[in-house]
N, C-alpha and C. Protein backbone atom coordinates (compact mmCIF):
# COMPACT_ATOMS: atom_id res chain seq x y z
N UNK A 1 52.85 46.38 102.14
CA UNK A 1 51.81 45.80 102.53
C UNK A 1 51.39 44.72 101.59
N UNK A 2 50.58 44.06 102.22
CA UNK A 2 50.42 42.52 101.80
C UNK A 2 49.52 42.60 100.48
N UNK A 3 49.51 41.77 99.58
CA UNK A 3 48.68 41.90 98.32
C UNK A 3 47.37 41.70 98.82
N UNK A 4 46.93 40.76 99.55
CA UNK A 4 45.43 40.31 99.97
C UNK A 4 45.04 41.76 100.88
N UNK A 5 45.91 42.31 101.41
CA UNK A 5 45.14 43.45 102.45
C UNK A 5 44.84 44.67 101.61
N UNK A 6 45.65 44.81 100.81
CA UNK A 6 45.56 46.03 99.67
C UNK A 6 44.26 45.75 98.88
N UNK A 7 44.03 44.39 98.28
CA UNK A 7 42.90 43.95 97.63
C UNK A 7 41.37 44.14 98.50
N UNK A 8 41.63 43.86 99.66
CA UNK A 8 40.66 43.83 100.60
C UNK A 8 40.19 45.34 100.86
N UNK A 9 40.98 46.06 101.00
CA UNK A 9 40.85 47.32 101.22
C UNK A 9 40.07 48.21 99.98
N UNK A 10 40.73 47.78 98.44
CA UNK A 10 40.26 48.16 97.49
C UNK A 10 38.81 47.68 97.23
N UNK A 11 38.60 46.59 97.57
CA UNK A 11 37.42 46.17 97.10
C UNK A 11 36.39 46.66 97.97
N UNK A 12 36.72 46.54 99.51
CA UNK A 12 35.59 47.47 100.38
C UNK A 12 35.19 48.61 99.95
N UNK A 13 36.25 49.32 99.45
CA UNK A 13 36.01 50.75 98.92
C UNK A 13 34.99 50.91 97.79
N UNK A 14 35.57 49.91 96.92
CA UNK A 14 34.87 50.21 95.69
C UNK A 14 33.25 49.73 95.64
N UNK A 15 33.14 48.81 96.68
CA UNK A 15 31.68 48.45 97.09
C UNK A 15 30.94 49.43 97.77
N UNK A 16 31.90 50.47 98.47
CA UNK A 16 31.14 51.64 99.14
C UNK A 16 30.92 52.52 97.89
N UNK A 17 31.74 52.52 97.14
CA UNK A 17 31.61 53.79 95.83
C UNK A 17 30.21 53.34 95.18
N UNK A 18 30.19 52.00 94.83
CA UNK A 18 29.08 51.72 94.00
C UNK A 18 27.75 51.85 94.79
N UNK A 19 27.59 51.49 96.06
CA UNK A 19 26.56 51.86 96.82
C UNK A 19 26.21 53.40 97.03
N UNK A 20 27.30 54.04 97.11
CA UNK A 20 26.99 55.31 97.07
C UNK A 20 26.31 56.02 95.76
N UNK A 21 27.10 55.23 94.72
CA UNK A 21 26.44 55.77 93.30
C UNK A 21 24.94 55.32 92.95
N UNK A 22 24.64 54.20 93.77
CA UNK A 22 23.21 53.78 93.26
C UNK A 22 22.23 54.19 94.28
N UNK A 23 22.76 54.45 95.47
CA UNK A 23 21.70 55.16 96.38
C UNK A 23 21.48 56.40 96.25
N UNK A 24 22.55 57.27 96.09
CA UNK A 24 22.34 58.67 95.83
C UNK A 24 22.29 59.32 94.27
N UNK A 25 22.20 58.24 93.39
CA UNK A 25 22.25 58.47 91.89
C UNK A 25 23.25 59.27 91.54
N UNK A 26 24.57 58.80 92.08
CA UNK A 26 25.86 59.79 91.80
C UNK A 26 26.54 59.02 90.43
N UNK A 27 25.98 59.17 89.34
CA UNK A 27 26.44 58.32 88.01
C UNK A 27 27.68 59.17 87.83
N UNK A 28 28.22 60.22 88.25
CA UNK A 28 29.47 60.82 88.12
C UNK A 28 30.62 60.16 88.49
N UNK A 29 30.17 59.14 89.56
CA UNK A 29 31.17 58.35 89.98
C UNK A 29 31.82 57.52 89.11
N UNK A 30 31.51 57.01 87.90
CA UNK A 30 32.09 55.97 87.26
C UNK A 30 33.27 55.80 86.79
N UNK A 31 33.78 57.07 86.72
CA UNK A 31 35.10 57.32 86.37
C UNK A 31 35.92 56.97 87.50
N UNK A 32 35.83 56.97 88.68
CA UNK A 32 36.53 56.88 89.73
C UNK A 32 36.37 55.38 90.13
N UNK A 33 35.18 55.02 89.89
CA UNK A 33 35.00 53.55 89.98
C UNK A 33 35.76 52.43 89.12
N UNK A 34 35.45 53.04 88.04
CA UNK A 34 36.61 52.37 86.78
C UNK A 34 37.97 52.35 87.28
N UNK A 35 38.53 53.33 87.70
CA UNK A 35 39.74 53.26 87.97
C UNK A 35 40.31 52.40 89.30
N UNK A 36 39.28 52.38 90.14
CA UNK A 36 39.30 51.33 91.18
C UNK A 36 39.38 49.94 90.84
N UNK A 37 38.67 49.74 89.73
CA UNK A 37 38.30 48.28 89.02
C UNK A 37 39.73 47.97 88.22
N UNK A 38 40.06 49.06 87.83
CA UNK A 38 41.53 48.80 87.05
C UNK A 38 42.66 48.53 87.84
N UNK A 39 42.88 49.45 88.96
CA UNK A 39 43.88 49.14 89.95
C UNK A 39 43.79 47.76 90.65
N UNK A 40 42.34 47.40 90.95
CA UNK A 40 42.25 46.03 91.59
C UNK A 40 42.97 44.90 90.47
N UNK A 41 42.50 45.13 89.31
CA UNK A 41 42.89 43.93 88.37
C UNK A 41 44.11 44.05 88.19
N UNK A 42 44.98 45.30 87.97
CA UNK A 42 46.25 45.09 87.85
C UNK A 42 47.12 44.65 89.15
N UNK A 43 46.60 44.87 90.13
CA UNK A 43 47.46 44.16 91.32
C UNK A 43 47.15 42.91 91.39
N UNK A 44 45.85 42.40 91.16
CA UNK A 44 45.72 41.03 90.94
C UNK A 44 46.40 40.11 90.12
N UNK A 45 46.90 40.95 89.07
CA UNK A 45 47.59 40.43 87.61
C UNK A 45 49.12 40.84 88.01
N UNK A 46 49.68 41.46 89.05
CA UNK A 46 50.72 41.68 89.14
C UNK A 46 51.53 42.82 88.15
N UNK A 47 50.65 43.56 87.67
CA UNK A 47 50.91 44.53 86.51
C UNK A 47 50.74 45.63 86.83
N UNK A 48 50.74 46.09 88.18
CA UNK A 48 50.58 47.55 88.39
C UNK A 48 52.10 48.25 88.34
N UNK A 49 51.90 49.67 87.70
CA UNK A 49 52.99 50.26 87.75
C UNK A 49 52.97 51.86 88.44
N UNK A 50 51.88 51.94 88.62
CA UNK A 50 51.62 53.46 89.13
C UNK A 50 50.26 53.36 89.91
N UNK A 51 50.02 54.38 90.81
CA UNK A 51 48.71 54.44 91.56
C UNK A 51 47.74 55.28 90.67
N UNK A 52 46.73 54.63 90.16
CA UNK A 52 45.79 55.47 89.24
C UNK A 52 44.80 55.94 89.98
N UNK A 53 44.60 55.45 91.15
CA UNK A 53 43.34 56.10 92.15
C UNK A 53 43.91 57.41 92.94
N UNK A 54 45.42 57.84 92.89
CA UNK A 54 45.96 58.64 93.66
C UNK A 54 45.10 60.06 93.46
N UNK A 55 44.69 60.83 94.13
CA UNK A 55 44.14 61.99 93.97
C UNK A 55 42.56 61.66 93.96
N UNK A 56 42.20 60.30 93.92
CA UNK A 56 40.66 60.17 93.95
C UNK A 56 39.72 60.76 94.94
N UNK A 57 40.22 61.16 96.01
CA UNK A 57 39.47 62.11 96.94
C UNK A 57 39.01 63.34 96.39
N UNK A 58 40.28 64.11 95.88
CA UNK A 58 40.16 65.21 95.00
C UNK A 58 39.15 65.16 94.20
N UNK A 59 39.30 64.21 93.20
CA UNK A 59 38.16 64.12 92.16
C UNK A 59 36.51 63.99 92.81
N UNK A 60 36.76 63.33 93.77
CA UNK A 60 35.14 63.21 94.29
C UNK A 60 34.81 64.60 94.69
N UNK A 61 35.65 65.09 95.45
CA UNK A 61 35.28 66.47 96.18
C UNK A 61 35.08 67.50 95.02
N UNK A 62 35.75 67.48 93.87
CA UNK A 62 35.52 68.34 92.71
C UNK A 62 34.14 68.10 92.12
N UNK A 63 33.57 66.86 92.17
CA UNK A 63 32.50 66.74 91.48
C UNK A 63 31.21 66.87 92.73
N UNK A 64 31.41 66.43 93.77
CA UNK A 64 30.10 66.73 94.83
C UNK A 64 30.47 67.52 95.96
N UNK A 65 31.67 68.33 96.09
CA UNK A 65 31.73 69.09 97.50
C UNK A 65 31.13 68.58 98.66
N UNK A 66 31.34 67.30 98.93
CA UNK A 66 30.45 66.59 100.02
C UNK A 66 31.62 66.34 101.23
N UNK A 67 32.31 67.16 101.86
CA UNK A 67 33.69 67.19 102.87
C UNK A 67 33.25 66.27 104.00
N UNK A 68 32.02 66.18 104.37
CA UNK A 68 31.51 65.29 105.59
C UNK A 68 31.24 63.78 105.14
N UNK A 69 31.56 63.51 103.85
CA UNK A 69 31.03 62.07 103.65
C UNK A 69 32.38 60.96 104.23
N UNK A 70 31.91 60.08 105.01
CA UNK A 70 32.90 59.24 105.43
C UNK A 70 33.52 58.15 104.33
N UNK A 71 32.92 58.32 103.26
CA UNK A 71 33.53 57.67 102.15
C UNK A 71 34.85 58.01 102.02
N UNK A 72 34.90 59.39 102.00
CA UNK A 72 36.22 60.02 101.97
C UNK A 72 37.49 59.28 102.64
N UNK A 73 37.23 58.92 103.89
CA UNK A 73 38.35 58.27 104.72
C UNK A 73 38.72 56.91 103.94
N UNK A 74 37.82 56.22 103.55
CA UNK A 74 37.86 54.89 103.05
C UNK A 74 38.77 54.95 101.66
N UNK A 75 38.49 56.17 100.92
CA UNK A 75 39.02 56.23 99.69
C UNK A 75 40.50 56.74 100.07
N UNK A 76 40.45 57.62 101.12
CA UNK A 76 42.05 58.05 101.35
C UNK A 76 42.88 56.71 101.81
N UNK A 77 42.12 55.84 102.51
CA UNK A 77 42.86 54.95 103.15
C UNK A 77 43.53 53.83 101.87
N UNK A 78 42.55 53.70 100.99
CA UNK A 78 42.80 52.84 99.77
C UNK A 78 43.73 53.45 99.01
N UNK A 79 43.85 54.93 98.80
CA UNK A 79 44.95 55.45 98.08
C UNK A 79 46.38 55.12 98.90
N UNK A 80 46.15 55.38 100.18
CA UNK A 80 47.50 55.14 100.98
C UNK A 80 47.94 53.57 100.58
N UNK A 81 47.01 52.76 100.87
CA UNK A 81 47.45 51.19 100.70
C UNK A 81 48.11 50.86 99.21
N UNK A 82 47.69 51.31 98.22
CA UNK A 82 48.29 51.30 96.98
C UNK A 82 49.59 51.96 96.85
N UNK A 83 49.66 53.14 97.33
CA UNK A 83 51.23 53.76 97.39
C UNK A 83 52.02 52.95 98.21
N UNK A 84 51.43 52.64 99.42
CA UNK A 84 52.61 51.54 100.04
C UNK A 84 52.80 50.26 99.48
N UNK A 85 51.88 49.77 98.94
CA UNK A 85 51.97 48.29 98.13
C UNK A 85 53.01 48.75 97.15
N UNK A 86 52.77 49.84 96.36
CA UNK A 86 53.98 49.94 95.17
C UNK A 86 55.26 50.33 95.81
N UNK A 87 55.30 50.86 96.78
CA UNK A 87 56.87 51.11 97.35
C UNK A 87 57.55 49.79 97.61
N UNK A 88 56.68 48.92 97.86
CA UNK A 88 57.24 47.40 98.45
C UNK A 88 57.25 46.44 97.35
N UNK A 89 57.18 46.73 96.13
CA UNK A 89 57.25 45.72 95.06
C UNK A 89 58.47 45.84 94.11
């Protein structure tokens, strides 16, 4: 997958996570948000070695148990995009 596409997916998901945190006072999302920021930085600088956001959907569900949240689909897509990107570098 192209680097720009992966970064767009990650940035879009990060924006959604940050909005979720602010709108619903979900401050426990900071760990997940920080992992997304780190992955974005590492892909931007071409130094990524592993998918640090792998299982972020599971981590979200362990905290909030909100299985109907559409954000989970975005997070899943972001996880897959990073995995695909890593398999092609």
